[in-house]
């Protein structure tokens, strides 16, 4: 990729793994995050860091300018209202990033980390700021943005090492765990595999061999049916 990949929320536990894997592939990486101390402590050398907040659209234009791709991995928060609510972080914040990313006619590929159960609003998780409803609203905003995209809905996140079999599913009917390392790898692979564009999928670990051909995994998925404006 000629221009930087912007990892929004990249100082977090998944985001910094994404940044590291992108560096290993030779990509230029720009992290945008409001957690300055986390960034100083955890980001790998070679990452360009910009202090920015998705809830403040005025500060997003410059870090999102001239980017090849965006990985959005912002923590949703759990408040019912206000700046730490899922509405502010994983919906409105994402909309702000999409607006900045589309400025000047840009068309970066956007990878969104959502979560499984996003369509199950009766799940107990939804009691935390209606997080599932706002997750889904963010997904839909991305699908309707006109940008190339991939939506990843991980299972319950673990700190386990990569190396297990990865199962991709659709329909939001599955359950299970998946390592943060595998989620980060899926984000990066989605940027380099054409078959990952325009799909939404859940992601889980199972006993077995780690994937060696992500293009084939993505190609087995069905494309999203996005209404034409």
Protein backbone atom coordinates (compact mmCIF):
# COMPACT_ATOMS: atom_id res chain seq x y z
CA UNK A 1 0.00 0.00 0.00
CA UNK A 2 1.44 3.34 -1.06
CA UNK A 3 -0.30 5.44 1.62
CA UNK A 4 -0.58 4.76 5.36
CA UNK A 5 -3.07 2.43 6.98
CA UNK A 6 -4.81 4.27 9.82
CA UNK A 7 -5.62 2.18 12.90
CA UNK A 8 -8.28 4.05 14.86
CA UNK A 9 -8.21 3.00 18.49
CA UNK A 10 -4.80 1.52 17.78
CA UNK A 11 -3.44 1.95 21.32
CA UNK A 12 -5.88 -0.69 22.56
CA UNK A 13 -5.16 -4.40 22.98
CA UNK A 14 -6.31 -5.46 19.51
CA UNK A 15 -5.29 -2.24 17.77
CA UNK A 16 -1.63 -2.48 18.69
CA UNK A 17 -1.53 -6.07 17.44
CA UNK A 18 -2.98 -4.85 14.15
CA UNK A 19 -0.34 -2.13 13.98
CA UNK A 20 2.45 -4.62 14.62
CA UNK A 21 1.27 -7.01 11.91
CA UNK A 22 0.94 -4.20 9.40
CA UNK A 23 4.51 -3.12 10.14
CA UNK A 24 5.68 -6.69 9.60
CA UNK A 25 4.11 -6.56 6.13
CA UNK A 26 5.97 -3.36 5.34
CA UNK A 27 2.97 -1.03 5.54
CA UNK A 28 3.19 2.53 6.79
CA UNK A 29 1.03 2.68 9.92
CA UNK A 30 -0.64 5.67 11.54
CA UNK A 31 -2.44 5.17 14.87
CA UNK A 32 -5.17 7.58 16.01
CA UNK A 33 -6.15 7.28 19.66
CA UNK A 34 -7.07 9.49 22.61
CA UNK A 35 -5.10 7.33 25.09
CA UNK A 36 -1.70 9.02 24.98
CA UNK A 37 -0.10 7.06 27.84
CA UNK A 38 -1.21 3.71 26.41
CA UNK A 39 0.23 4.72 23.06
CA UNK A 40 3.57 5.69 24.57
CA UNK A 41 3.76 2.48 26.57
CA UNK A 42 2.54 -0.09 24.07
CA UNK A 43 2.85 0.98 20.43
CA UNK A 44 5.69 -0.67 18.51
CA UNK A 45 8.53 1.45 17.11
CA UNK A 46 7.86 2.62 13.59
CA UNK A 47 4.22 3.56 14.15
CA UNK A 48 3.25 7.19 13.59
CA UNK A 49 0.94 8.31 16.40
CA UNK A 50 -1.65 11.09 16.29
CA UNK A 51 -3.58 12.12 19.38
CA UNK A 52 -7.20 12.19 18.26
CA UNK A 53 -10.70 11.38 19.44
CA UNK A 54 -13.39 9.90 17.21
CA UNK A 55 -15.95 11.97 19.12
CA UNK A 56 -14.28 15.17 17.87
CA UNK A 57 -14.66 15.29 14.08
CA UNK A 58 -12.57 18.45 13.78
CA UNK A 59 -9.45 16.54 14.79
CA UNK A 60 -9.87 13.68 12.31
CA UNK A 61 -9.32 15.36 8.96
CA UNK A 62 -5.54 15.46 9.07
CA UNK A 63 -4.81 11.95 10.45
CA UNK A 64 -7.28 10.39 7.98
CA UNK A 65 -5.97 12.33 4.98
CA UNK A 66 -4.40 10.39 2.13
CA UNK A 67 -4.82 6.97 3.75
CA UNK A 68 -4.98 3.64 1.92
CA UNK A 69 -7.14 1.90 4.51
CA UNK A 70 -8.70 2.24 7.96
CA UNK A 71 -9.03 -0.34 10.73
CA UNK A 72 -11.60 0.75 13.33
CA UNK A 73 -11.12 -0.95 16.70
CA UNK A 74 -12.47 1.57 19.22
CA UNK A 75 -13.63 0.36 22.65
CA UNK A 76 -17.42 0.92 22.86
CA UNK A 77 -17.69 1.96 26.52
CA UNK A 78 -20.68 0.99 28.64
CA UNK A 79 -22.40 4.26 29.67
CA UNK A 80 -26.03 4.80 28.74
CA UNK A 81 -25.35 8.30 27.43
CA UNK A 82 -22.48 10.72 26.98
CA UNK A 83 -18.95 10.40 25.62
CA UNK A 84 -18.37 6.89 26.98
CA UNK A 85 -21.56 5.43 25.54
CA UNK A 86 -21.62 3.03 22.58
CA UNK A 87 -23.71 5.57 20.69
CA UNK A 88 -20.83 8.06 20.89
CA UNK A 89 -17.99 5.61 20.22
CA UNK A 90 -19.03 2.80 17.87
CA UNK A 91 -21.75 4.67 16.02
CA UNK A 92 -21.25 8.44 15.91
CA UNK A 93 -17.48 8.09 16.23
CA UNK A 94 -17.41 5.68 13.31
CA UNK A 95 -19.60 8.04 11.25
CA UNK A 96 -17.13 10.85 11.99
CA UNK A 97 -14.24 8.69 10.80
CA UNK A 98 -16.11 7.68 7.64
CA UNK A 99 -16.79 11.33 6.83
CA UNK A 100 -13.11 12.18 7.29
CA UNK A 101 -11.99 9.16 5.29
CA UNK A 102 -14.23 10.11 2.34
CA UNK A 103 -12.99 13.69 2.23
CA UNK A 104 -11.41 14.82 -1.05
CA UNK A 105 -12.81 11.78 -2.84
CA UNK A 106 -10.81 9.18 -0.91
CA UNK A 107 -12.00 5.56 -1.00
CA UNK A 108 -10.01 3.67 1.63
CA UNK A 109 -10.91 0.09 2.54
CA UNK A 110 -12.42 0.18 6.04
CA UNK A 111 -12.20 -2.84 8.35
CA UNK A 112 -14.58 -2.59 11.30
CA UNK A 113 -14.23 -4.74 14.41
CA UNK A 114 -17.77 -5.22 15.69
CA UNK A 115 -18.86 -8.22 17.81
CA UNK A 116 -20.92 -11.37 17.59
CA UNK A 117 -24.51 -11.09 18.90
CA UNK A 118 -24.75 -7.65 17.23
CA UNK A 119 -28.21 -8.59 15.95
CA UNK A 120 -29.38 -10.16 19.23
CA UNK A 121 -30.75 -7.14 21.08
CA UNK A 122 -32.31 -9.33 23.77
CA UNK A 123 -28.85 -10.54 24.83
CA UNK A 124 -27.73 -9.40 28.32
CA UNK A 125 -24.83 -7.50 26.73
CA UNK A 126 -27.28 -4.99 25.31
CA UNK A 127 -27.99 -3.70 28.83
CA UNK A 128 -24.64 -1.90 28.69
CA UNK A 129 -25.53 1.29 26.84
CA UNK A 130 -27.51 -0.64 24.17
CA UNK A 131 -24.12 -1.67 22.82
CA UNK A 132 -25.46 -4.27 20.42
CA UNK A 133 -27.93 -1.87 18.85
CA UNK A 134 -25.22 0.75 18.32
CA UNK A 135 -22.77 -1.83 17.05
CA UNK A 136 -25.28 -2.81 14.38
CA UNK A 137 -26.05 0.84 13.57
CA UNK A 138 -22.33 1.40 13.02
CA UNK A 139 -22.11 -1.64 10.76
CA UNK A 140 -25.02 -0.38 8.70
CA UNK A 141 -23.50 3.09 8.40
CA UNK A 142 -20.33 1.51 7.03
CA UNK A 143 -22.20 -0.72 4.58
CA UNK A 144 -24.12 2.28 3.27
CA UNK A 145 -21.04 4.53 3.09
CA UNK A 146 -20.09 3.55 -0.45
CA UNK A 147 -16.58 2.62 0.70
CA UNK A 148 -15.03 -0.81 0.31
CA UNK A 149 -15.35 -2.51 3.69
CA UNK A 150 -15.09 -5.64 5.82
CA UNK A 151 -17.06 -6.17 9.05
CA UNK A 152 -15.56 -8.63 11.54
CA UNK A 153 -17.69 -9.86 14.44
CA UNK A 154 -15.31 -11.66 16.82
CA UNK A 155 -16.46 -14.09 19.46
CA UNK A 156 -15.44 -13.62 23.09
CA UNK A 157 -11.91 -12.24 22.98
CA UNK A 158 -9.05 -14.08 24.68
CA UNK A 159 -5.32 -13.52 25.10
CA UNK A 160 -4.51 -16.96 23.75
CA UNK A 161 -1.72 -17.37 21.24
CA UNK A 162 -2.46 -17.54 17.55
CA UNK A 163 -2.18 -20.91 15.89
CA UNK A 164 -5.58 -22.56 16.32
CA UNK A 165 -8.04 -23.19 13.54
CA UNK A 166 -10.13 -20.15 12.64
CA UNK A 167 -13.79 -20.63 11.74
CA UNK A 168 -15.62 -17.88 9.89
CA UNK A 169 -19.42 -17.95 10.04
CA UNK A 170 -22.33 -15.77 8.95
CA UNK A 171 -25.85 -15.13 10.16
CA UNK A 172 -24.87 -14.24 13.75
CA UNK A 173 -25.91 -17.65 15.05
CA UNK A 174 -22.59 -18.90 16.46
CA UNK A 175 -20.90 -18.59 19.83
CA UNK A 176 -17.38 -19.15 21.08
CA UNK A 177 -14.00 -17.57 21.71
CA UNK A 178 -11.28 -16.16 19.51
CA UNK A 179 -7.83 -14.82 20.31
CA UNK A 180 -7.05 -11.15 19.88
CA UNK A 181 -4.03 -12.17 17.82
CA UNK A 182 -6.21 -13.99 15.32
CA UNK A 183 -8.61 -11.06 15.12
CA UNK A 184 -5.69 -8.73 14.38
CA UNK A 185 -4.45 -11.11 11.69
CA UNK A 186 -7.92 -11.22 10.11
CA UNK A 187 -8.01 -7.42 9.99
CA UNK A 188 -4.71 -7.27 8.16
CA UNK A 189 -5.52 -10.15 5.83
CA UNK A 190 -8.81 -8.45 4.92
CA UNK A 191 -6.85 -5.48 3.56
CA UNK A 192 -4.75 -7.68 1.30
CA UNK A 193 -7.37 -10.21 0.12
CA UNK A 194 -9.83 -8.94 -2.51
CA UNK A 195 -12.41 -11.55 -1.51
CA UNK A 196 -12.78 -9.92 1.95
CA UNK A 197 -14.41 -6.80 0.50
CA UNK A 198 -18.15 -6.42 1.06
CA UNK A 199 -18.59 -9.20 3.64
CA UNK A 200 -19.67 -9.45 7.27
CA UNK A 201 -18.68 -12.48 9.30
CA UNK A 202 -18.34 -13.91 12.79
CA UNK A 203 -15.01 -15.37 13.86
CA UNK A 204 -14.17 -18.15 16.34
CA UNK A 205 -11.27 -20.44 17.25
CA UNK A 206 -11.53 -24.22 17.13
CA UNK A 207 -9.13 -27.09 17.60
CA UNK A 208 -7.13 -27.61 14.45
CA UNK A 209 -4.52 -26.08 12.20
CA UNK A 210 -4.13 -22.32 11.80
CA UNK A 211 -5.24 -20.92 8.44
CA UNK A 212 -2.63 -20.61 5.72
CA UNK A 213 -4.89 -19.32 2.92
CA UNK A 214 -7.11 -16.47 4.08
CA UNK A 215 -8.18 -15.60 0.55
CA UNK A 216 -9.96 -18.94 0.37
CA UNK A 217 -11.63 -18.44 3.76
CA UNK A 218 -13.00 -15.08 2.70
CA UNK A 219 -14.02 -16.34 -0.75
CA UNK A 220 -16.31 -18.93 0.86
CA UNK A 221 -18.41 -16.17 2.46
CA UNK A 222 -21.51 -14.61 0.95
CA UNK A 223 -21.45 -10.93 0.05
CA UNK A 224 -23.68 -8.57 2.01
CA UNK A 225 -26.88 -7.45 0.37
CA UNK A 226 -26.57 -3.66 0.55
CA UNK A 227 -29.55 -1.59 -0.68
CA UNK A 228 -28.76 0.70 -3.60
CA UNK A 229 -29.38 4.36 -2.76
